[in-house]
Structures are given as structure tokens and as C-alpha cells.
Amino acid sequence: MRALELTIKVYRVTPNFPREELYGPTSSASELDYRFLLARDLEFLERHRYDGLRKKLEELRRMLTALILRVDNERQLAKC
């Protein structure tokens, strides 16, 4: 659900982006983080919107990391 929330927020802020930048935010979390920063610095994205998007992205990144660690752990246990 959090990934969906982040996607909705991205769709809501991208109408302010120049046309050539519209297809940029469709990548990994790290690339998305960079694109948010770039959009903020180029003034396509207001600071408060950037802060909100970054917070959601960090939350999602923590969840994905926890999931990856759990799956890796379960794989290791299955090998025993």
C-alpha cells in the first residue's frame, strides 16, 4: 500500500515538470531519490512536497530492505 501511496504522490507532482522530465521517475528507489532531489533543485518540486516524497520513499526503502533480509534468511534456513 505504501508503494501505491508514493506512486500517487509522484503522479500528483509531475504535472509541474517539463515535458522532457515526465518519464524520469520510473526507476529504482535510489534513482527515484536522486530524481526527487534534482526536481527540487531545479525548482520543479516545492520543498515541502520533496520532503513528503522523500519521507515516503525512505519508509518504503526500509520495508523493502526488511523483506529482502527476511527472504535471504529463509533461504539460508532452507539450505540447512
C-alpha atoms as a PDB file:
ATOM      1  CA  MET A   1       0.000   0.000   0.000  1.00  0.00           C
ATOM      2  CA  ARG A   2       2.852   2.400   0.732  1.00  0.00           C
ATOM      3  CA  ALA A   3       4.290   1.942  -2.746  1.00  0.00           C
ATOM      4  CA  LEU A   4       0.884   2.875  -4.140  1.00  0.00           C
ATOM      5  CA  GLU A   5       0.751   5.979  -1.930  1.00  0.00           C
ATOM      6  CA  LEU A   6       4.179   7.051  -3.169  1.00  0.00           C
ATOM      7  CA  THR A   7       3.191   6.437  -6.789  1.00  0.00           C
ATOM      8  CA  ILE A   8       0.081   8.584  -6.367  1.00  0.00           C
ATOM      9  CA  LYS A   9       2.143  11.394  -4.844  1.00  0.00           C
ATOM     10  CA  VAL A  10       4.617  11.224  -7.739  1.00  0.00           C
ATOM     11  CA  TYR A  11       1.793  11.417 -10.267  1.00  0.00           C
ATOM     12  CA  ARG A  12       0.379  14.443  -8.450  1.00  0.00           C
ATOM     13  CA  VAL A  13       3.616  16.429  -8.556  1.00  0.00           C
ATOM     14  CA  THR A  14       4.850  15.558 -12.044  1.00  0.00           C
ATOM     15  CA  PRO A  15       2.415  17.820 -13.936  1.00  0.00           C
ATOM     16  CA  ASN A  16       4.726  20.659 -12.825  1.00  0.00           C
ATOM     17  CA  PHE A  17       7.705  19.010 -14.509  1.00  0.00           C
ATOM     18  CA  PRO A  18       8.856  19.969 -18.016  1.00  0.00           C
ATOM     19  CA  ARG A  19       7.643  17.556 -20.690  1.00  0.00           C
ATOM     20  CA  GLU A  20      11.104  16.012 -21.197  1.00  0.00           C
ATOM     21  CA  GLU A  21      11.276  15.056 -17.499  1.00  0.00           C
ATOM     22  CA  LEU A  22       7.926  13.276 -17.261  1.00  0.00           C
ATOM     23  CA  TYR A  23       9.261   9.787 -17.856  1.00  0.00           C
ATOM     24  CA  GLY A  24      12.178  10.084 -15.446  1.00  0.00           C
ATOM     25  CA  PRO A  25      10.650   8.902 -12.159  1.00  0.00           C
ATOM     26  CA  THR A  26      10.084   5.279 -13.187  1.00  0.00           C
ATOM     27  CA  SER A  27      13.163   3.577 -11.716  1.00  0.00           C
ATOM     28  CA  SER A  28      14.678   2.123  -8.555  1.00  0.00           C
ATOM     29  CA  ALA A  29      14.350   3.719  -5.136  1.00  0.00           C
ATOM     30  CA  SER A  30      17.864   5.175  -5.355  1.00  0.00           C
ATOM     31  CA  GLU A  31      17.223   6.657  -8.776  1.00  0.00           C
ATOM     32  CA  LEU A  32      13.877   7.980  -7.615  1.00  0.00           C
ATOM     33  CA  ASP A  33      15.556   9.605  -4.621  1.00  0.00           C
ATOM     34  CA  TYR A  34      18.033  11.303  -6.955  1.00  0.00           C
ATOM     35  CA  ARG A  35      15.278  12.459  -9.306  1.00  0.00           C
ATOM     36  CA  PHE A  36      13.332  13.969  -6.402  1.00  0.00           C
ATOM     37  CA  LEU A  37      16.449  15.863  -5.335  1.00  0.00           C
ATOM     38  CA  LEU A  38      17.106  17.027  -8.881  1.00  0.00           C
ATOM     39  CA  ALA A  39      13.488  18.142  -9.334  1.00  0.00           C
ATOM     40  CA  ARG A  40      13.672  20.090  -6.078  1.00  0.00           C
ATOM     41  CA  ASP A  41      16.945  21.781  -7.020  1.00  0.00           C
ATOM     42  CA  LEU A  42      15.619  22.674 -10.477  1.00  0.00           C
ATOM     43  CA  GLU A  43      12.516  24.083  -8.774  1.00  0.00           C
ATOM     44  CA  PHE A  44      10.118  21.652 -10.449  1.00  0.00           C
ATOM     45  CA  LEU A  45       9.187  20.388  -6.998  1.00  0.00           C
ATOM     46  CA  GLU A  46       8.419  22.512  -3.951  1.00  0.00           C
ATOM     47  CA  ARG A  47      10.466  21.827  -0.813  1.00  0.00           C
ATOM     48  CA  HIS A  48       7.505  20.605   1.269  1.00  0.00           C
ATOM     49  CA  ARG A  49       6.476  18.188  -1.492  1.00  0.00           C
ATOM     50  CA  TYR A  50      10.059  16.956  -1.788  1.00  0.00           C
ATOM     51  CA  ASP A  51      10.213  16.366   1.968  1.00  0.00           C
ATOM     52  CA  GLY A  52       6.963  14.389   1.911  1.00  0.00           C
ATOM     53  CA  LEU A  53       8.007  12.257  -1.066  1.00  0.00           C
ATOM     54  CA  ARG A  54      11.420  11.582   0.428  1.00  0.00           C
ATOM     55  CA  LYS A  55       9.857  10.516   3.730  1.00  0.00           C
ATOM     56  CA  LYS A  56       7.544   8.063   1.938  1.00  0.00           C
ATOM     57  CA  LEU A  57      10.429   6.748  -0.156  1.00  0.00           C
ATOM     58  CA  GLU A  58      12.605   6.153   2.920  1.00  0.00           C
ATOM     59  CA  GLU A  59       9.758   4.300   4.612  1.00  0.00           C
ATOM     60  CA  LEU A  60       9.291   2.123   1.543  1.00  0.00           C
ATOM     61  CA  ARG A  61      13.040   1.531   1.249  1.00  0.00           C
ATOM     62  CA  ARG A  62      13.167   0.317   4.889  1.00  0.00           C
ATOM     63  CA  MET A  63      10.256  -2.038   4.236  1.00  0.00           C
ATOM     64  CA  LEU A  64      11.903  -3.451   1.104  1.00  0.00           C
ATOM     65  CA  THR A  65      15.202  -3.940   2.922  1.00  0.00           C
ATOM     66  CA  ALA A  66      13.446  -5.815   5.740  1.00  0.00           C
ATOM     67  CA  LEU A  67      11.667  -8.015   3.201  1.00  0.00           C
ATOM     68  CA  ILE A  68      14.904  -8.810   1.364  1.00  0.00           C
ATOM     69  CA  LEU A  69      16.659  -9.689   4.626  1.00  0.00           C
ATOM     70  CA  ARG A  70      13.773 -11.949   5.679  1.00  0.00           C
ATOM     71  CA  VAL A  71      13.729 -13.767   2.336  1.00  0.00           C
ATOM     72  CA  ASP A  72      17.509 -14.204   2.421  1.00  0.00           C
ATOM     73  CA  ASN A  73      17.293 -15.542   5.959  1.00  0.00           C
ATOM     74  CA  GLU A  74      14.560 -18.010   4.990  1.00  0.00           C
ATOM     75  CA  ARG A  75      16.659 -19.200   2.039  1.00  0.00           C
ATOM     76  CA  GLN A  76      19.614 -19.794   4.325  1.00  0.00           C
ATOM     77  CA  LEU A  77      17.453 -21.782   6.738  1.00  0.00           C
ATOM     78  CA  ALA A  78      16.043 -23.856   3.879  1.00  0.00           C
ATOM     79  CA  LYS A  79      19.564 -24.876   2.839  1.00  0.00           C
ATOM     80  CA  CYS A  80      20.250 -26.460   6.249  1.00  0.00           C
END
